[in-house]
Amino acid sequence: MGLFQKISATRFVKSDSGASAVEFAFVAFPFFYVLGCLMETGVMLFTEYVIQTSVQDAARQIRTGSAQAASTTSAGFKNKICATTSIIVSCAKITVYVKPATTFSTLKAATPSPLAISAKPGDTPVFDCGQPSQPLAVIATYDWNFVFPFMSFLGNVNSNTARRISGIAIFRNEPYPPGAATCG
């Protein structure tokens, strides 16, 4: 090996120019991936909050008897929920479940898990506003499809490729005056 080659090899070993670029190349992908996953999780949780708030607001219409007096339909009630949520998600993917029971213990036993409530083609939505002073459950669900791969550890539907998020309101209807009009 010649003297010139020996000096060049020594300079190459001692040189640190470009080391930052190489280190950044090693760290960049994991850093941006984790950052993206954090952002997606934040947006998903914000969406769940918006759905929960929308369900609470729309359920108040049923609780006070306003929905019954206006003969609100299943589609009309879903539109009340979608008035806020459509800013973030597609209303077509939201499923609404409204069901009364005679007592809260009966309601607890009869209300399905939000994971069991989904919009399958041909399914008739469960929508019954109940009577005055009757316990009621209102559940709205939405399937969040993950953008970032490998987030299946957060998934709970569709082979862990999506997470079903939901908004839930359980209450007793107020003793509003019973009328001829009902939901349906």
Protein backbone atom coordinates (compact mmCIF):
# COMPACT_ATOMS: atom_id res chain seq x y z
CA MET A 1 0.00 0.00 0.00
CA GLY A 2 1.45 3.36 -0.93
CA LEU A 3 1.95 6.29 1.37
CA PHE A 4 -0.90 8.21 -0.31
CA GLN A 5 -3.35 5.37 0.24
CA LYS A 6 -2.30 5.03 3.88
CA ILE A 7 -2.89 8.76 4.53
CA SER A 8 -6.29 8.68 2.76
CA ALA A 9 -7.45 5.68 4.79
CA THR A 10 -6.38 7.35 8.03
CA ARG A 11 -8.16 10.58 7.08
CA PHE A 12 -11.29 8.63 6.15
CA VAL A 13 -11.37 6.83 9.51
CA LYS A 14 -10.80 10.06 11.49
CA SER A 15 -13.15 12.19 9.36
CA ASP A 16 -16.54 12.92 10.90
CA SER A 17 -18.03 14.90 8.03
CA GLY A 18 -21.30 13.29 7.02
CA ALA A 19 -21.67 11.45 10.33
CA SER A 20 -24.69 13.52 11.25
CA ALA A 21 -26.36 12.63 7.97
CA VAL A 22 -25.75 8.93 8.55
CA GLU A 23 -27.01 9.13 12.14
CA PHE A 24 -30.09 11.02 10.97
CA ALA A 25 -30.72 8.35 8.33
CA PHE A 26 -30.76 5.70 11.07
CA VAL A 27 -33.06 7.68 13.37
CA ALA A 28 -35.34 9.49 10.86
CA PHE A 29 -37.67 6.65 9.90
CA PRO A 30 -38.47 5.48 13.45
CA PHE A 31 -38.82 9.08 14.62
CA PHE A 32 -41.26 10.11 11.88
CA TYR A 33 -43.16 6.83 12.15
CA VAL A 34 -43.70 7.27 15.91
CA LEU A 35 -44.61 10.92 15.34
CA GLY A 36 -47.19 9.90 12.71
CA CYS A 37 -48.65 7.21 14.97
CA LEU A 38 -48.98 9.73 17.80
CA MET A 39 -50.72 12.19 15.51
CA GLU A 40 -53.14 9.55 14.20
CA THR A 41 -53.93 8.39 17.73
CA GLY A 42 -54.59 12.00 18.74
CA VAL A 43 -56.95 12.58 15.82
CA MET A 44 -58.71 9.26 16.54
CA LEU A 45 -59.24 10.19 20.21
CA PHE A 46 -60.46 13.65 19.20
CA THR A 47 -62.95 11.98 16.83
CA GLU A 48 -64.18 9.77 19.68
CA TYR A 49 -64.66 12.87 21.83
CA VAL A 50 -66.65 14.60 19.06
CA ILE A 51 -68.86 11.51 18.59
CA GLN A 52 -69.46 11.30 22.36
CA THR A 53 -70.40 14.99 22.53
CA SER A 54 -72.71 14.66 19.52
CA VAL A 55 -74.46 11.66 21.06
CA GLN A 56 -74.98 13.53 24.34
CA ASP A 57 -76.44 16.54 22.52
CA ALA A 58 -78.73 14.48 20.29
CA ALA A 59 -79.82 12.22 23.16
CA ARG A 60 -81.07 15.28 25.01
CA GLN A 61 -83.74 15.61 22.30
CA ILE A 62 -85.03 12.14 23.20
CA ARG A 63 -84.66 12.63 26.95
CA THR A 64 -86.80 15.77 26.99
CA GLY A 65 -89.44 14.39 24.61
CA SER A 66 -88.60 16.83 21.80
CA ALA A 67 -87.70 14.01 19.40
CA GLN A 68 -90.96 12.21 20.16
CA ALA A 69 -93.04 15.37 19.71
CA ALA A 70 -91.36 16.01 16.34
CA SER A 71 -91.82 12.34 15.25
CA THR A 72 -88.07 12.09 14.63
CA THR A 73 -87.06 9.20 12.41
CA SER A 74 -83.94 7.08 12.64
CA ALA A 75 -82.40 9.04 9.75
CA GLY A 76 -83.35 12.37 11.34
CA PHE A 77 -81.75 11.41 14.64
CA LYS A 78 -78.61 10.22 12.87
CA ASN A 79 -78.48 13.57 11.07
CA LYS A 80 -78.53 15.35 14.45
CA ILE A 81 -75.48 13.34 15.48
CA CYS A 82 -73.85 13.93 12.09
CA ALA A 83 -74.35 17.70 12.30
CA THR A 84 -71.16 17.87 14.35
CA THR A 85 -69.32 14.69 13.44
CA SER A 86 -69.49 15.21 9.66
CA ILE A 87 -66.69 17.77 10.02
CA ILE A 88 -64.32 14.91 10.87
CA VAL A 89 -65.82 11.64 9.60
CA SER A 90 -68.23 10.42 6.96
CA CYS A 91 -71.76 10.23 8.31
CA ALA A 92 -72.43 7.17 6.14
CA LYS A 93 -70.08 5.15 8.36
CA ILE A 94 -71.80 6.05 11.63
CA THR A 95 -74.23 3.52 13.09
CA VAL A 96 -76.84 4.60 15.63
CA TYR A 97 -78.54 2.34 18.18
CA VAL A 98 -81.42 3.65 20.34
CA LYS A 99 -83.29 1.21 22.59
CA PRO A 100 -85.42 1.58 25.75
CA ALA A 101 -86.08 -0.92 28.52
CA THR A 102 -88.40 -1.13 31.51
CA THR A 103 -85.62 -0.86 34.14
CA PHE A 104 -81.91 -0.03 34.17
CA SER A 105 -81.02 -3.63 35.02
CA THR A 106 -83.04 -4.84 32.03
CA LEU A 107 -81.36 -2.18 29.89
CA LYS A 108 -77.92 -3.31 31.07
CA ALA A 109 -78.69 -6.90 30.14
CA ALA A 110 -80.26 -6.04 26.76
CA THR A 111 -77.77 -3.42 25.53
CA PRO A 112 -75.11 -4.92 23.25
CA SER A 113 -71.45 -4.01 23.40
CA PRO A 114 -70.49 -1.19 21.02
CA LEU A 115 -68.24 -3.77 19.31
CA ALA A 116 -71.38 -5.70 18.33
CA ILE A 117 -73.12 -2.67 16.80
CA SER A 118 -72.23 -2.14 13.16
CA ALA A 119 -73.88 -1.18 9.92
CA LYS A 120 -74.05 -4.24 7.73
CA PRO A 121 -75.93 -4.11 4.43
CA GLY A 122 -79.54 -5.08 5.01
CA ASP A 123 -79.50 -4.42 8.78
CA THR A 124 -82.42 -2.42 10.11
CA PRO A 125 -81.24 0.19 12.59
CA VAL A 126 -82.53 -0.21 16.14
CA PHE A 127 -84.38 3.03 16.89
CA ASP A 128 -87.02 3.31 19.61
CA CYS A 129 -87.23 6.49 21.72
CA GLY A 130 -89.29 4.87 24.44
CA GLN A 131 -91.89 6.40 26.72
CA PRO A 132 -91.77 9.02 29.49
CA SER A 133 -89.65 8.02 32.53
CA GLN A 134 -88.24 4.98 30.70
CA PRO A 135 -84.49 4.09 30.76
CA LEU A 136 -82.82 4.34 27.37
CA ALA A 137 -79.47 3.63 25.72
CA VAL A 138 -78.15 5.65 22.77
CA ILE A 139 -74.98 4.38 21.11
CA ALA A 140 -73.27 5.69 17.98
CA THR A 141 -70.31 3.79 16.51
CA TYR A 142 -67.72 4.53 13.85
CA ASP A 143 -64.95 2.27 12.53
CA TRP A 144 -61.64 4.14 12.36
CA ASN A 145 -59.41 2.58 9.68
CA PHE A 146 -55.75 3.05 10.52
CA VAL A 147 -53.58 5.03 8.14
CA PHE A 148 -50.24 3.97 9.60
CA PRO A 149 -49.35 0.29 9.31
CA PHE A 150 -48.56 -1.78 12.38
CA MET A 151 -51.11 0.04 14.56
CA SER A 152 -53.09 -3.16 14.86
CA PHE A 153 -52.31 -3.29 18.58
CA LEU A 154 -55.02 -0.59 18.88
CA GLY A 155 -57.47 -2.39 16.58
CA ASN A 156 -60.57 -4.18 17.86
CA VAL A 157 -62.56 -4.94 14.66
CA ASN A 158 -61.92 -6.11 11.08
CA SER A 159 -58.99 -8.34 12.01
CA ASN A 160 -57.47 -5.47 14.03
CA THR A 161 -57.20 -3.22 10.98
CA ALA A 162 -59.70 -0.77 12.47
CA ARG A 163 -60.84 0.49 15.85
CA ARG A 164 -64.54 0.87 16.62
CA ILE A 165 -64.99 4.10 18.50
CA SER A 166 -68.29 5.01 20.09
CA GLY A 167 -70.34 7.59 21.90
CA ILE A 168 -72.75 6.36 24.56
CA ALA A 169 -75.59 7.98 26.50
CA ILE A 170 -77.61 6.04 29.08
CA PHE A 171 -80.38 7.94 30.84
CA ARG A 172 -83.99 7.94 31.97
CA ASN A 173 -86.45 9.89 29.85
CA GLU A 174 -87.96 12.84 31.64
CA PRO A 175 -91.61 12.55 32.66
CA TYR A 176 -92.75 14.64 29.69
CA PRO A 177 -96.46 14.51 28.88
CA PRO A 178 -97.20 11.44 26.78
CA GLY A 179 -98.54 12.35 23.37
CA ALA A 180 -99.73 10.64 20.24
CA ALA A 181 -96.43 11.24 18.46
CA THR A 182 -93.51 8.86 18.87
CA CYS A 183 -90.16 8.29 17.25
CA GLY A 184 -89.89 5.93 14.41
